[in-house]
Amino acid sequence: MSVRVVAPCRLHFGLFHVPVDGLTHHPDGRPVRKFGGLGLMIDQPCVTVEESVHIVGRRQGNLVDRADRFREQVWNARQDIHNSRYLKSEYRANGPPEHVGLGVGTALGLASSRTLINVFAEHDEPVAVLSELVGRGKRSGIGIVGFESGGFIADNGKLEDELPQLGVRLDFPSPWRVVLVRPPTPPVWYGDRERTAFARTRPADQALSLTDRLRSLAYDTVVPAVRNADFDTFAQSIFEFNRLAGEPFHDDQGGPYASPEVACVIDELIEMGASGVGQSSWGPTVFAFAPSVDEAEHLANRARERFSSATDVTVTAANNTGARLTTENGEPGA
C-alpha cells in the first residue's frame, strides 16, 4: 500500500495573548485564555509526505530527518503498528525549510503520522489524535484545524493542556492572493531563544489591555472583512493586527518584527504600494495581500526586481480544503 499526503502550510498573523506568569483571570473573573490568534492556510508552499511498504527501505527529501523523529513518536505510542516497525518502507518528506514562519513542523508531523498509520494500520485517525501523537498544538491550534479543513482561522487559545479552542473558520475569498517574500536570513526564532522570549516578564495590565485590543480588532474588523470579502478593510486591519501582535516581543526583537532585515522587507513592500503586509509567526517569511492574481503577480515581479536573487518570492492562493490524502491507486482517501 502506498499513501501520499499533501499538507498546506500556514501563515500566522499573531497571538491574542502571550502568557504572563501568575496571570490566570481577568479583573471580572473570566479565565485568561493563552495564545490564540489568527492564521490562514495557503496552497504554496506545502509539505508532501509519501510512504509505501517496499522491499528496500529508502528515505528521501529535505525534511526526512525531522519526519523520522515524528515517526518514532508514533511507533512508540501505537501498539497496532508497533509490531510492524521493522518492516521496510520507502518514504519521502519534502517541503520548505523549518522555522521560517510557515508552520512546517505541524504540517510535517500530522502528514507523517497520517501516512504511517494509513500504511501500517490501514485506517485513518482524527486530526486531534494525530496532533497528540506528535505533540503539536502546545501553543497554536491554527495548523491543526487548517490541516483538517483549510481556510482562515481564529484560534481562541487554551486554558490548560487541552487543544486550543476554535473560534471561527471561514473560507478565504478565492480571488485574493498572497505574495510571500522570504529574505535569505537564517532562522533564529525557535528552541531556547523562542522559549526565552515567551518567558520574559511583562506587566499584567498591559498584557490584558493588548489582548482585548487584538481580540476586538480580530472579531470586530478582520473576521467580518473576510466574511464579506472586503479586501481593503481586511488588508488594513491585518497589517494593524500583525504589528500590534509583535509588541510583546519588542525588547527581544528590537521592534515589532523579528529582525531589521524583515522590517526592511516590510517597509519596502509598503513603499511599493503593497497591502496587508506583515510577518508570519517569527518570520523571516513576509506576506502581502492582493485582491487578484494580476495584481499579485505585478507585486511579485517588482519584489523580484527590488530584492536580491537569494530572496524567495512566491504567489499563492489560500487553501480552503486542508490536507489531501491519496492511496496507491490515486483514489481520494479519508
C-alpha atoms as a PDB file:
ATOM      1  CA  MET A   1       0.000   0.000   0.000  1.00  0.00           C
ATOM      2  CA  SER A   2       1.197   3.489  -0.822  1.00  0.00           C
ATOM      3  CA  VAL A   3      -0.119   6.707   0.743  1.00  0.00           C
ATOM      4  CA  ARG A   4       0.600  10.324  -0.153  1.00  0.00           C
ATOM      5  CA  VAL A   5      -0.384  13.347   1.951  1.00  0.00           C
ATOM      6  CA  VAL A   6      -0.058  16.926   0.714  1.00  0.00           C
ATOM      7  CA  ALA A   7      -0.450  19.313   3.651  1.00  0.00           C
ATOM      8  CA  PRO A   8      -0.866  23.084   3.357  1.00  0.00           C
ATOM      9  CA  CYS A   9       1.484  25.443   5.138  1.00  0.00           C
ATOM     10  CA  ARG A  10       0.057  28.325   7.157  1.00  0.00           C
ATOM     11  CA  LEU A  11       0.534  31.989   7.835  1.00  0.00           C
ATOM     12  CA  HIS A  12       0.267  33.062  11.474  1.00  0.00           C
ATOM     13  CA  PHE A  13      -0.687  36.728  11.915  1.00  0.00           C
ATOM     14  CA  GLY A  14      -0.029  36.909  15.653  1.00  0.00           C
ATOM     15  CA  LEU A  15      -1.165  35.749  19.089  1.00  0.00           C
ATOM     16  CA  PHE A  16      -4.062  37.177  21.067  1.00  0.00           C
ATOM     17  CA  HIS A  17      -2.299  36.648  24.396  1.00  0.00           C
ATOM     18  CA  VAL A  18       1.300  35.997  25.388  1.00  0.00           C
ATOM     19  CA  PRO A  19       1.094  34.330  28.826  1.00  0.00           C
ATOM     20  CA  VAL A  20       2.236  36.248  31.899  1.00  0.00           C
ATOM     21  CA  ASP A  21       3.380  34.259  34.915  1.00  0.00           C
ATOM     22  CA  GLY A  22       0.638  34.202  37.551  1.00  0.00           C
ATOM     23  CA  LEU A  23      -1.972  35.883  35.347  1.00  0.00           C
ATOM     24  CA  THR A  24      -4.902  33.468  35.162  1.00  0.00           C
ATOM     25  CA  HIS A  25      -8.029  35.669  35.281  1.00  0.00           C
ATOM     26  CA  HIS A  26      -9.345  38.981  34.050  1.00  0.00           C
ATOM     27  CA  PRO A  27     -10.414  41.514  36.708  1.00  0.00           C
ATOM     28  CA  ASP A  28     -14.050  40.475  36.154  1.00  0.00           C
ATOM     29  CA  GLY A  29     -13.231  36.845  36.935  1.00  0.00           C
ATOM     30  CA  ARG A  30     -13.085  35.455  33.405  1.00  0.00           C
ATOM     31  CA  PRO A  31     -10.242  32.973  32.872  1.00  0.00           C
ATOM     32  CA  VAL A  32      -7.427  34.160  30.624  1.00  0.00           C
ATOM     33  CA  ARG A  33      -7.041  32.008  27.540  1.00  0.00           C
ATOM     34  CA  LYS A  34      -3.400  31.623  26.494  1.00  0.00           C
ATOM     35  CA  PHE A  35      -2.043  32.155  22.998  1.00  0.00           C
ATOM     36  CA  GLY A  36      -4.825  32.031  20.361  1.00  0.00           C
ATOM     37  CA  GLY A  37      -4.605  34.257  17.298  1.00  0.00           C
ATOM     38  CA  LEU A  38      -5.325  34.478  13.571  1.00  0.00           C
ATOM     39  CA  GLY A  39      -3.979  32.456  10.674  1.00  0.00           C
ATOM     40  CA  LEU A  40      -4.500  31.372   7.079  1.00  0.00           C
ATOM     41  CA  MET A  41      -3.751  28.119   5.281  1.00  0.00           C
ATOM     42  CA  ILE A  42      -2.032  28.520   1.898  1.00  0.00           C
ATOM     43  CA  ASP A  43      -1.620  26.305  -1.172  1.00  0.00           C
ATOM     44  CA  GLN A  44       2.083  27.001  -1.751  1.00  0.00           C
ATOM     45  CA  PRO A  45       4.482  26.110  -0.388  1.00  0.00           C
ATOM     46  CA  CYS A  46       3.227  22.817   1.000  1.00  0.00           C
ATOM     47  CA  VAL A  47       4.578  19.731   2.765  1.00  0.00           C
ATOM     48  CA  THR A  48       4.410  16.376   0.955  1.00  0.00           C
ATOM     49  CA  VAL A  49       4.932  13.006   2.646  1.00  0.00           C
ATOM     50  CA  GLU A  50       4.758   9.702   0.747  1.00  0.00           C
ATOM     51  CA  GLU A  51       5.122   6.245   2.240  1.00  0.00           C
ATOM     52  CA  SER A  52       4.829   2.673   0.987  1.00  0.00           C
ATOM     53  CA  VAL A  53       5.883  -0.803   2.070  1.00  0.00           C
ATOM     54  CA  HIS A  54       8.907  -1.630  -0.027  1.00  0.00           C
ATOM     55  CA  ILE A  55      11.367  -4.456  -0.479  1.00  0.00           C
ATOM     56  CA  VAL A  56      14.191  -1.996   0.180  1.00  0.00           C
ATOM     57  CA  GLY A  57      13.872   0.658   2.864  1.00  0.00           C
ATOM     58  CA  ARG A  58      14.697   4.094   1.472  1.00  0.00           C
ATOM     59  CA  ARG A  59      14.198   7.609   2.768  1.00  0.00           C
ATOM     60  CA  GLN A  60      14.459  10.818   0.750  1.00  0.00           C
ATOM     61  CA  GLY A  61      13.679  14.509   0.987  1.00  0.00           C
ATOM     62  CA  ASN A  62      14.864  17.654   2.716  1.00  0.00           C
ATOM     63  CA  LEU A  63      12.537  17.085   5.714  1.00  0.00           C
ATOM     64  CA  VAL A  64      13.209  13.392   6.200  1.00  0.00           C
ATOM     65  CA  ASP A  65      15.307  13.730   9.384  1.00  0.00           C
ATOM     66  CA  ARG A  66      12.550  15.640  11.194  1.00  0.00           C
ATOM     67  CA  ALA A  67       9.977  13.214   9.783  1.00  0.00           C
ATOM     68  CA  ASP A  68      11.987  10.355  11.326  1.00  0.00           C
ATOM     69  CA  ARG A  69      11.535  11.867  14.787  1.00  0.00           C
ATOM     70  CA  PHE A  70       7.788  12.210  14.317  1.00  0.00           C
ATOM     71  CA  ARG A  71       7.565   8.641  13.017  1.00  0.00           C
ATOM     72  CA  GLU A  72       9.446   7.360  16.058  1.00  0.00           C
ATOM     73  CA  GLN A  73       6.914   9.036  18.356  1.00  0.00           C
ATOM     74  CA  VAL A  74       4.085   7.269  16.538  1.00  0.00           C
ATOM     75  CA  TRP A  75       5.822   3.892  16.505  1.00  0.00           C
ATOM     76  CA  ASN A  76       6.372   4.104  20.260  1.00  0.00           C
ATOM     77  CA  ALA A  77       2.794   5.152  21.037  1.00  0.00           C
ATOM     78  CA  ARG A  78       0.753   2.878  18.793  1.00  0.00           C
ATOM     79  CA  GLN A  79       0.605  -0.815  19.633  1.00  0.00           C
ATOM     80  CA  ASP A  80      -1.395  -1.567  16.486  1.00  0.00           C
ATOM     81  CA  ILE A  81       1.626  -0.678  14.358  1.00  0.00           C
ATOM     82  CA  HIS A  82       4.398  -1.291  16.902  1.00  0.00           C
ATOM     83  CA  ASN A  83       4.963  -4.859  15.713  1.00  0.00           C
ATOM     84  CA  SER A  84       5.363  -3.610  12.157  1.00  0.00           C
ATOM     85  CA  ARG A  85       8.100  -1.102  12.906  1.00  0.00           C
ATOM     86  CA  TYR A  86      10.860  -3.254  11.445  1.00  0.00           C
ATOM     87  CA  LEU A  87       9.097  -3.793   8.153  1.00  0.00           C
ATOM     88  CA  LYS A  88      10.850  -1.976   5.358  1.00  0.00           C
ATOM     89  CA  SER A  89       9.234   1.071   3.836  1.00  0.00           C
ATOM     90  CA  GLU A  90      10.118   3.758   1.358  1.00  0.00           C
ATOM     91  CA  TYR A  91       9.165   7.282   2.227  1.00  0.00           C
ATOM     92  CA  ARG A  92       9.796  10.856   1.164  1.00  0.00           C
ATOM     93  CA  ALA A  93       9.270  14.073   3.093  1.00  0.00           C
ATOM     94  CA  ASN A  94       9.633  17.374   1.250  1.00  0.00           C
ATOM     95  CA  GLY A  95       8.681  20.994   1.826  1.00  0.00           C
ATOM     96  CA  PRO A  96      10.024  24.425   2.692  1.00  0.00           C
ATOM     97  CA  PRO A  97      12.696  24.801   5.385  1.00  0.00           C
ATOM     98  CA  GLU A  98      11.654  24.644   9.019  1.00  0.00           C
ATOM     99  CA  HIS A  99      11.452  27.715  11.271  1.00  0.00           C
ATOM    100  CA  VAL A 100      10.613  30.208   8.519  1.00  0.00           C
ATOM    101  CA  GLY A 101       7.139  31.130   9.798  1.00  0.00           C
ATOM    102  CA  LEU A 102       5.084  28.692   7.701  1.00  0.00           C
ATOM    103  CA  GLY A 103       4.103  26.044  10.258  1.00  0.00           C
ATOM    104  CA  VAL A 104       6.217  23.347   8.628  1.00  0.00           C
ATOM    105  CA  GLY A 105       6.643  21.374  11.864  1.00  0.00           C
ATOM    106  CA  THR A 106       2.907  20.918  12.395  1.00  0.00           C
ATOM    107  CA  ALA A 107       2.212  20.112   8.740  1.00  0.00           C
ATOM    108  CA  LEU A 108       5.057  17.586   8.680  1.00  0.00           C
ATOM    109  CA  GLY A 109       4.129  15.980  12.000  1.00  0.00           C
ATOM    110  CA  LEU A 110       0.497  15.491  11.028  1.00  0.00           C
ATOM    111  CA  ALA A 111       1.312  14.333   7.490  1.00  0.00           C
ATOM    112  CA  SER A 112       3.995  11.894   8.727  1.00  0.00           C
ATOM    113  CA  SER A 113       1.698  10.336  11.313  1.00  0.00           C
ATOM    114  CA  ARG A 114      -1.207  10.095   8.871  1.00  0.00           C
ATOM    115  CA  THR A 115       0.833   8.295   6.198  1.00  0.00           C
ATOM    116  CA  LEU A 116       2.431   5.931   8.718  1.00  0.00           C
ATOM    117  CA  ILE A 117      -0.882   4.895  10.298  1.00  0.00           C
ATOM    118  CA  ASN A 118      -2.618   4.537   6.946  1.00  0.00           C
ATOM    119  CA  VAL A 119       0.144   2.326   5.562  1.00  0.00           C
ATOM    120  CA  PHE A 120       0.765   0.058   8.564  1.00  0.00           C
ATOM    121  CA  ALA A 121      -2.591   0.100  10.389  1.00  0.00           C
ATOM    122  CA  GLU A 122      -4.585   0.554   7.172  1.00  0.00           C
ATOM    123  CA  HIS A 123      -7.005   3.083   8.627  1.00  0.00           C
ATOM    124  CA  ASP A 124      -7.101   6.804   9.364  1.00  0.00           C
ATOM    125  CA  GLU A 125      -7.298   8.734  12.625  1.00  0.00           C
ATOM    126  CA  PRO A 126      -8.893  12.084  13.539  1.00  0.00           C
ATOM    127  CA  VAL A 127      -6.564  15.064  13.398  1.00  0.00           C
ATOM    128  CA  ALA A 128      -6.879  15.540  17.178  1.00  0.00           C
ATOM    129  CA  VAL A 129      -5.389  12.065  17.679  1.00  0.00           C
ATOM    130  CA  LEU A 130      -2.592  12.711  15.187  1.00  0.00           C
ATOM    131  CA  SER A 131      -1.683  16.000  16.879  1.00  0.00           C
ATOM    132  CA  GLU A 132      -1.448  14.289  20.278  1.00  0.00           C
ATOM    133  CA  LEU A 133       0.760  11.526  18.880  1.00  0.00           C
ATOM    134  CA  VAL A 134       3.316  14.022  17.547  1.00  0.00           C
ATOM    135  CA  GLY A 135       2.965  16.668  20.269  1.00  0.00           C
ATOM    136  CA  ARG A 136       1.540  19.551  18.251  1.00  0.00           C
ATOM    137  CA  GLY A 137      -0.872  22.239  19.480  1.00  0.00           C
ATOM    138  CA  LYS A 138       1.182  23.256  22.506  1.00  0.00           C
ATOM    139  CA  ARG A 139       0.514  26.900  21.621  1.00  0.00           C
ATOM    140  CA  SER A 140      -1.335  27.420  18.358  1.00  0.00           C
ATOM    141  CA  GLY A 141      -4.250  25.370  17.037  1.00  0.00           C
ATOM    142  CA  ILE A 142      -4.298  27.026  13.617  1.00  0.00           C
ATOM    143  CA  GLY A 143      -2.135  24.438  11.870  1.00  0.00           C
ATOM    144  CA  ILE A 144      -4.206  21.578  13.328  1.00  0.00           C
ATOM    145  CA  VAL A 145      -7.583  22.990  12.279  1.00  0.00           C
ATOM    146  CA  GLY A 146      -6.116  24.054   8.948  1.00  0.00           C
ATOM    147  CA  PHE A 147      -4.670  20.601   8.256  1.00  0.00           C
ATOM    148  CA  GLU A 148      -8.176  19.219   8.516  1.00  0.00           C
ATOM    149  CA  SER A 149     -10.204  21.913   6.773  1.00  0.00           C
ATOM    150  CA  GLY A 150      -8.006  24.751   5.471  1.00  0.00           C
ATOM    151  CA  GLY A 151      -9.289  28.315   5.454  1.00  0.00           C
ATOM    152  CA  PHE A 152      -8.943  31.462   7.545  1.00  0.00           C
ATOM    153  CA  ILE A 153      -8.903  30.593  11.236  1.00  0.00           C
ATOM    154  CA  ALA A 154      -9.397  32.447  14.517  1.00  0.00           C
ATOM    155  CA  ASP A 155      -7.977  30.400  17.387  1.00  0.00           C
ATOM    156  CA  ASN A 156      -9.397  31.329  20.813  1.00  0.00           C
ATOM    157  CA  GLY A 157      -6.469  29.825  22.694  1.00  0.00           C
ATOM    158  CA  LYS A 158      -6.328  27.386  25.591  1.00  0.00           C
ATOM    159  CA  LEU A 159      -6.721  27.322  29.368  1.00  0.00           C
ATOM    160  CA  GLU A 160      -4.570  24.344  30.366  1.00  0.00           C
ATOM    161  CA  ASP A 161      -3.159  21.493  28.295  1.00  0.00           C
ATOM    162  CA  GLU A 162      -6.159  20.844  26.080  1.00  0.00           C
ATOM    163  CA  LEU A 163      -6.030  21.596  22.369  1.00  0.00           C
ATOM    164  CA  PRO A 164      -6.679  25.268  21.569  1.00  0.00           C
ATOM    165  CA  GLN A 165     -10.340  26.246  21.114  1.00  0.00           C
ATOM    166  CA  LEU A 166     -11.539  27.089  17.611  1.00  0.00           C
ATOM    167  CA  GLY A 167     -13.197  30.495  17.373  1.00  0.00           C
ATOM    168  CA  VAL A 168     -14.044  30.878  13.682  1.00  0.00           C
ATOM    169  CA  ARG A 169     -13.123  29.049  10.497  1.00  0.00           C
ATOM    170  CA  LEU A 170     -14.008  30.725   7.166  1.00  0.00           C
ATOM    171  CA  ASP A 171     -13.350  30.071   3.505  1.00  0.00           C
ATOM    172  CA  PHE A 172     -10.923  32.760   2.346  1.00  0.00           C
ATOM    173  CA  PRO A 173     -12.081  34.720  -0.737  1.00  0.00           C
ATOM    174  CA  SER A 174     -10.883  32.723  -3.749  1.00  0.00           C
ATOM    175  CA  PRO A 175      -9.835  35.695  -5.962  1.00  0.00           C
ATOM    176  CA  TRP A 176      -7.453  37.070  -3.320  1.00  0.00           C
ATOM    177  CA  ARG A 177      -3.794  36.132  -3.441  1.00  0.00           C
ATOM    178  CA  VAL A 178      -0.797  36.259  -1.109  1.00  0.00           C
ATOM    179  CA  VAL A 179       2.702  37.301  -2.105  1.00  0.00           C
ATOM    180  CA  LEU A 180       5.316  35.664   0.109  1.00  0.00           C
ATOM    181  CA  VAL A 181       8.779  37.207   0.374  1.00  0.00           C
ATOM    182  CA  ARG A 182      11.420  35.292   2.338  1.00  0.00           C
ATOM    183  CA  PRO A 183      14.793  37.042   2.623  1.00  0.00           C
ATOM    184  CA  PRO A 184      17.937  34.904   2.953  1.00  0.00           C
ATOM    185  CA  THR A 185      18.009  35.423   6.712  1.00  0.00           C
ATOM    186  CA  PRO A 186      18.938  32.395   8.827  1.00  0.00           C
ATOM    187  CA  PRO A 187      16.022  31.371  11.070  1.00  0.00           C
ATOM    188  CA  VAL A 188      16.837  32.025  14.726  1.00  0.00           C
ATOM    189  CA  TRP A 189      13.465  32.262  16.482  1.00  0.00           C
ATOM    190  CA  TYR A 190      12.918  28.721  17.708  1.00  0.00           C
ATOM    191  CA  GLY A 191      14.077  26.456  20.526  1.00  0.00           C
ATOM    192  CA  ASP A 192      15.691  28.114  23.539  1.00  0.00           C
ATOM    193  CA  ARG A 193      15.607  31.597  22.048  1.00  0.00           C
ATOM    194  CA  GLU A 194      11.860  31.363  21.452  1.00  0.00           C
ATOM    195  CA  ARG A 195      11.243  29.974  24.944  1.00  0.00           C
ATOM    196  CA  THR A 196      13.270  32.807  26.464  1.00  0.00           C
ATOM    197  CA  ALA A 197      11.198  35.399  24.608  1.00  0.00           C
ATOM    198  CA  PHE A 198       7.942  33.872  25.838  1.00  0.00           C
ATOM    199  CA  ALA A 199       9.257  33.731  29.411  1.00  0.00           C
ATOM    200  CA  ARG A 200      10.124  37.429  29.587  1.00  0.00           C
ATOM    201  CA  THR A 201       8.410  39.326  32.433  1.00  0.00           C
ATOM    202  CA  ARG A 202       5.581  41.584  31.214  1.00  0.00           C
ATOM    203  CA  PRO A 203       3.168  43.841  33.134  1.00  0.00           C
ATOM    204  CA  ALA A 204      -0.153  42.052  33.555  1.00  0.00           C
ATOM    205  CA  ASP A 205      -2.302  45.128  32.947  1.00  0.00           C
ATOM    206  CA  GLN A 206      -0.544  45.864  29.655  1.00  0.00           C
ATOM    207  CA  ALA A 207      -0.864  42.233  28.570  1.00  0.00           C
ATOM    208  CA  LEU A 208      -4.621  42.192  29.213  1.00  0.00           C
ATOM    209  CA  SER A 209      -5.139  45.553  27.521  1.00  0.00           C
ATOM    210  CA  LEU A 210      -3.292  44.392  24.395  1.00  0.00           C
ATOM    211  CA  THR A 211      -5.201  41.106  24.373  1.00  0.00           C
ATOM    212  CA  ASP A 212      -8.515  42.977  24.485  1.00  0.00           C
ATOM    213  CA  ARG A 213      -7.408  45.224  21.604  1.00  0.00           C
ATOM    214  CA  LEU A 214      -6.286  42.297  19.474  1.00  0.00           C
ATOM    215  CA  ARG A 215      -9.434  40.241  20.079  1.00  0.00           C
ATOM    216  CA  SER A 216     -11.628  43.237  19.310  1.00  0.00           C
ATOM    217  CA  LEU A 217      -9.728  44.010  16.121  1.00  0.00           C
ATOM    218  CA  ALA A 218      -9.921  40.364  15.066  1.00  0.00           C
ATOM    219  CA  TYR A 219     -13.603  39.735  15.693  1.00  0.00           C
ATOM    220  CA  ASP A 220     -14.988  43.205  15.008  1.00  0.00           C
ATOM    221  CA  THR A 221     -12.967  44.007  11.885  1.00  0.00           C
ATOM    222  CA  VAL A 222     -10.761  41.264  10.408  1.00  0.00           C
ATOM    223  CA  VAL A 223     -13.234  38.372  10.553  1.00  0.00           C
ATOM    224  CA  PRO A 224     -16.173  40.395   9.125  1.00  0.00           C
ATOM    225  CA  ALA A 225     -13.895  41.633   6.331  1.00  0.00           C
ATOM    226  CA  VAL A 226     -13.059  38.047   5.344  1.00  0.00           C
ATOM    227  CA  ARG A 227     -16.700  37.008   5.608  1.00  0.00           C
ATOM    228  CA  ASN A 228     -17.823  39.945   3.426  1.00  0.00           C
ATOM    229  CA  ALA A 229     -14.865  39.763   1.010  1.00  0.00           C
ATOM    230  CA  ASP A 230     -13.988  43.377   1.870  1.00  0.00           C
ATOM    231  CA  PHE A 231     -10.385  43.444   0.698  1.00  0.00           C
ATOM    232  CA  ASP A 232      -9.418  46.986   1.704  1.00  0.00           C
ATOM    233  CA  THR A 233     -10.691  46.593   5.276  1.00  0.00           C
ATOM    234  CA  PHE A 234      -9.057  43.195   5.584  1.00  0.00           C
ATOM    235  CA  ALA A 235      -5.678  44.409   4.341  1.00  0.00           C
ATOM    236  CA  GLN A 236      -5.607  47.461   6.586  1.00  0.00           C
ATOM    237  CA  SER A 237      -6.751  45.581   9.681  1.00  0.00           C
ATOM    238  CA  ILE A 238      -4.467  42.550   9.221  1.00  0.00           C
ATOM    239  CA  PHE A 239      -1.478  44.912   8.945  1.00  0.00           C
ATOM    240  CA  GLU A 240      -2.535  46.609  12.174  1.00  0.00           C
ATOM    241  CA  PHE A 241      -3.220  43.289  13.928  1.00  0.00           C
ATOM    242  CA  ASN A 242       0.140  41.828  12.923  1.00  0.00           C
ATOM    243  CA  ARG A 243       2.103  44.872  14.058  1.00  0.00           C
ATOM    244  CA  LEU A 244       0.290  45.060  17.416  1.00  0.00           C
ATOM    245  CA  ALA A 245       0.803  41.332  17.988  1.00  0.00           C
ATOM    246  CA  GLY A 246       4.565  41.823  17.718  1.00  0.00           C
ATOM    247  CA  GLU A 247       4.702  44.344  20.571  1.00  0.00           C
ATOM    248  CA  PRO A 248       5.084  41.789  23.433  1.00  0.00           C
ATOM    249  CA  PHE A 249       8.371  40.721  21.816  1.00  0.00           C
ATOM    250  CA  HIS A 250       9.631  44.248  21.159  1.00  0.00           C
ATOM    251  CA  ASP A 251      12.521  44.007  23.629  1.00  0.00           C
ATOM    252  CA  ASP A 252      13.670  40.661  22.254  1.00  0.00           C
ATOM    253  CA  GLN A 253      13.335  41.552  18.568  1.00  0.00           C
ATOM    254  CA  GLY A 254      14.296  45.206  18.727  1.00  0.00           C
ATOM    255  CA  GLY A 255      10.887  46.166  17.327  1.00  0.00           C
ATOM    256  CA  PRO A 256       7.563  44.610  16.307  1.00  0.00           C
ATOM    257  CA  TYR A 257       9.244  42.381  13.722  1.00  0.00           C
ATOM    258  CA  ALA A 258      11.742  39.544  14.058  1.00  0.00           C
ATOM    259  CA  SER A 259      14.799  41.342  12.707  1.00  0.00           C
ATOM    260  CA  PRO A 260      15.958  44.518  10.925  1.00  0.00           C
ATOM    261  CA  GLU A 261      16.064  42.517   7.679  1.00  0.00           C
ATOM    262  CA  VAL A 262      12.410  41.527   7.999  1.00  0.00           C
ATOM    263  CA  ALA A 263      11.424  45.081   8.945  1.00  0.00           C
ATOM    264  CA  CYS A 264      13.259  46.361   5.862  1.00  0.00           C
ATOM    265  CA  VAL A 265      11.383  43.965   3.552  1.00  0.00           C
ATOM    266  CA  ILE A 266       8.074  45.072   5.078  1.00  0.00           C
ATOM    267  CA  ASP A 267       8.943  48.764   4.674  1.00  0.00           C
ATOM    268  CA  GLU A 268       9.982  48.290   1.047  1.00  0.00           C
ATOM    269  CA  LEU A 269       6.833  46.356   0.170  1.00  0.00           C
ATOM    270  CA  ILE A 270       4.743  49.153   1.687  1.00  0.00           C
ATOM    271  CA  GLU A 271       6.701  51.665  -0.404  1.00  0.00           C
ATOM    272  CA  MET A 272       5.747  49.614  -3.483  1.00  0.00           C
ATOM    273  CA  GLY A 273       2.093  50.071  -2.548  1.00  0.00           C
ATOM    274  CA  ALA A 274       1.547  46.564  -1.161  1.00  0.00           C
ATOM    275  CA  SER A 275      -1.454  45.960   1.095  1.00  0.00           C
ATOM    276  CA  GLY A 276      -1.855  43.883   4.238  1.00  0.00           C
ATOM    277  CA  VAL A 277       1.878  43.461   4.775  1.00  0.00           C
ATOM    278  CA  GLY A 278       3.320  41.669   7.783  1.00  0.00           C
ATOM    279  CA  GLN A 279       5.479  38.936   9.271  1.00  0.00           C
ATOM    280  CA  SER A 280       4.240  35.372   9.579  1.00  0.00           C
ATOM    281  CA  SER A 281       4.865  33.950  13.052  1.00  0.00           C
ATOM    282  CA  TRP A 282       8.552  34.566  13.898  1.00  0.00           C
ATOM    283  CA  GLY A 283       9.475  35.179  10.243  1.00  0.00           C
ATOM    284  CA  PRO A 284      11.550  35.580   8.229  1.00  0.00           C
ATOM    285  CA  THR A 285       8.663  34.993   5.785  1.00  0.00           C
ATOM    286  CA  VAL A 286       6.833  38.233   4.997  1.00  0.00           C
ATOM    287  CA  PHE A 287       3.348  38.300   3.453  1.00  0.00           C
ATOM    288  CA  ALA A 288       1.443  40.874   1.400  1.00  0.00           C
ATOM    289  CA  PHE A 289      -2.103  40.525   0.048  1.00  0.00           C
ATOM    290  CA  ALA A 290      -3.557  41.374  -3.344  1.00  0.00           C
ATOM    291  CA  PRO A 291      -7.200  41.339  -4.499  1.00  0.00           C
ATOM    292  CA  SER A 292      -6.430  39.469  -7.749  1.00  0.00           C
ATOM    293  CA  VAL A 293      -3.920  37.231  -9.491  1.00  0.00           C
ATOM    294  CA  ASP A 294      -2.789  40.009 -11.832  1.00  0.00           C
ATOM    295  CA  GLU A 295      -2.092  42.462  -9.011  1.00  0.00           C
ATOM    296  CA  ALA A 296      -0.273  39.783  -7.035  1.00  0.00           C
ATOM    297  CA  GLU A 297       1.936  38.854  -9.984  1.00  0.00           C
ATOM    298  CA  HIS A 298       2.699  42.524 -10.620  1.00  0.00           C
ATOM    299  CA  LEU A 299       3.771  42.988  -6.994  1.00  0.00           C
ATOM    300  CA  ALA A 300       5.812  39.776  -7.066  1.00  0.00           C
ATOM    301  CA  ASN A 301       7.688  40.874 -10.192  1.00  0.00           C
ATOM    302  CA  ARG A 302       8.510  44.223  -8.601  1.00  0.00           C
ATOM    303  CA  ALA A 303       9.719  42.424  -5.477  1.00  0.00           C
ATOM    304  CA  ARG A 304      11.964  40.160  -7.534  1.00  0.00           C
ATOM    305  CA  GLU A 305      13.486  43.244  -9.148  1.00  0.00           C
ATOM    306  CA  ARG A 306      13.923  45.054  -5.834  1.00  0.00           C
ATOM    307  CA  PHE A 307      15.346  42.276  -3.642  1.00  0.00           C
ATOM    308  CA  SER A 308      18.395  40.060  -4.110  1.00  0.00           C
ATOM    309  CA  SER A 309      18.234  36.892  -6.183  1.00  0.00           C
ATOM    310  CA  ALA A 310      18.580  34.917  -2.944  1.00  0.00           C
ATOM    311  CA  THR A 311      15.191  36.212  -1.783  1.00  0.00           C
ATOM    312  CA  ASP A 312      12.370  33.735  -2.354  1.00  0.00           C
ATOM    313  CA  VAL A 313       9.227  35.332  -3.833  1.00  0.00           C
ATOM    314  CA  THR A 314       6.064  33.244  -4.272  1.00  0.00           C
ATOM    315  CA  VAL A 315       2.469  33.985  -5.252  1.00  0.00           C
ATOM    316  CA  THR A 316      -0.087  31.675  -3.693  1.00  0.00           C
ATOM    317  CA  ALA A 317      -3.804  31.269  -3.143  1.00  0.00           C
ATOM    318  CA  ALA A 318      -5.405  30.323   0.140  1.00  0.00           C
ATOM    319  CA  ASN A 319      -6.082  26.657   0.824  1.00  0.00           C
ATOM    320  CA  ASN A 320      -9.740  26.186   1.792  1.00  0.00           C
ATOM    321  CA  THR A 321      -9.802  22.377   1.863  1.00  0.00           C
ATOM    322  CA  GLY A 322      -6.993  21.137   4.126  1.00  0.00           C
ATOM    323  CA  ALA A 323      -4.605  18.243   3.559  1.00  0.00           C
ATOM    324  CA  ARG A 324      -5.163  15.839   0.662  1.00  0.00           C
ATOM    325  CA  LEU A 325      -4.625  12.091   1.035  1.00  0.00           C
ATOM    326  CA  THR A 326      -4.391   9.727  -1.921  1.00  0.00           C
ATOM    327  CA  THR A 327      -3.802   5.986  -1.980  1.00  0.00           C
ATOM    328  CA  GLU A 328      -1.678   3.970  -4.406  1.00  0.00           C
ATOM    329  CA  ASN A 329      -4.470   3.745  -6.989  1.00  0.00           C
ATOM    330  CA  GLY A 330      -4.933   7.532  -6.942  1.00  0.00           C
ATOM    331  CA  GLU A 331      -8.370   7.481  -5.363  1.00  0.00           C
ATOM    332  CA  PRO A 332      -9.087  10.163  -2.745  1.00  0.00           C
ATOM    333  CA  GLY A 333      -8.644   8.883   0.789  1.00  0.00           C
ATOM    334  CA  ALA A 334     -10.289   9.855   4.033  1.00  0.00           C
END
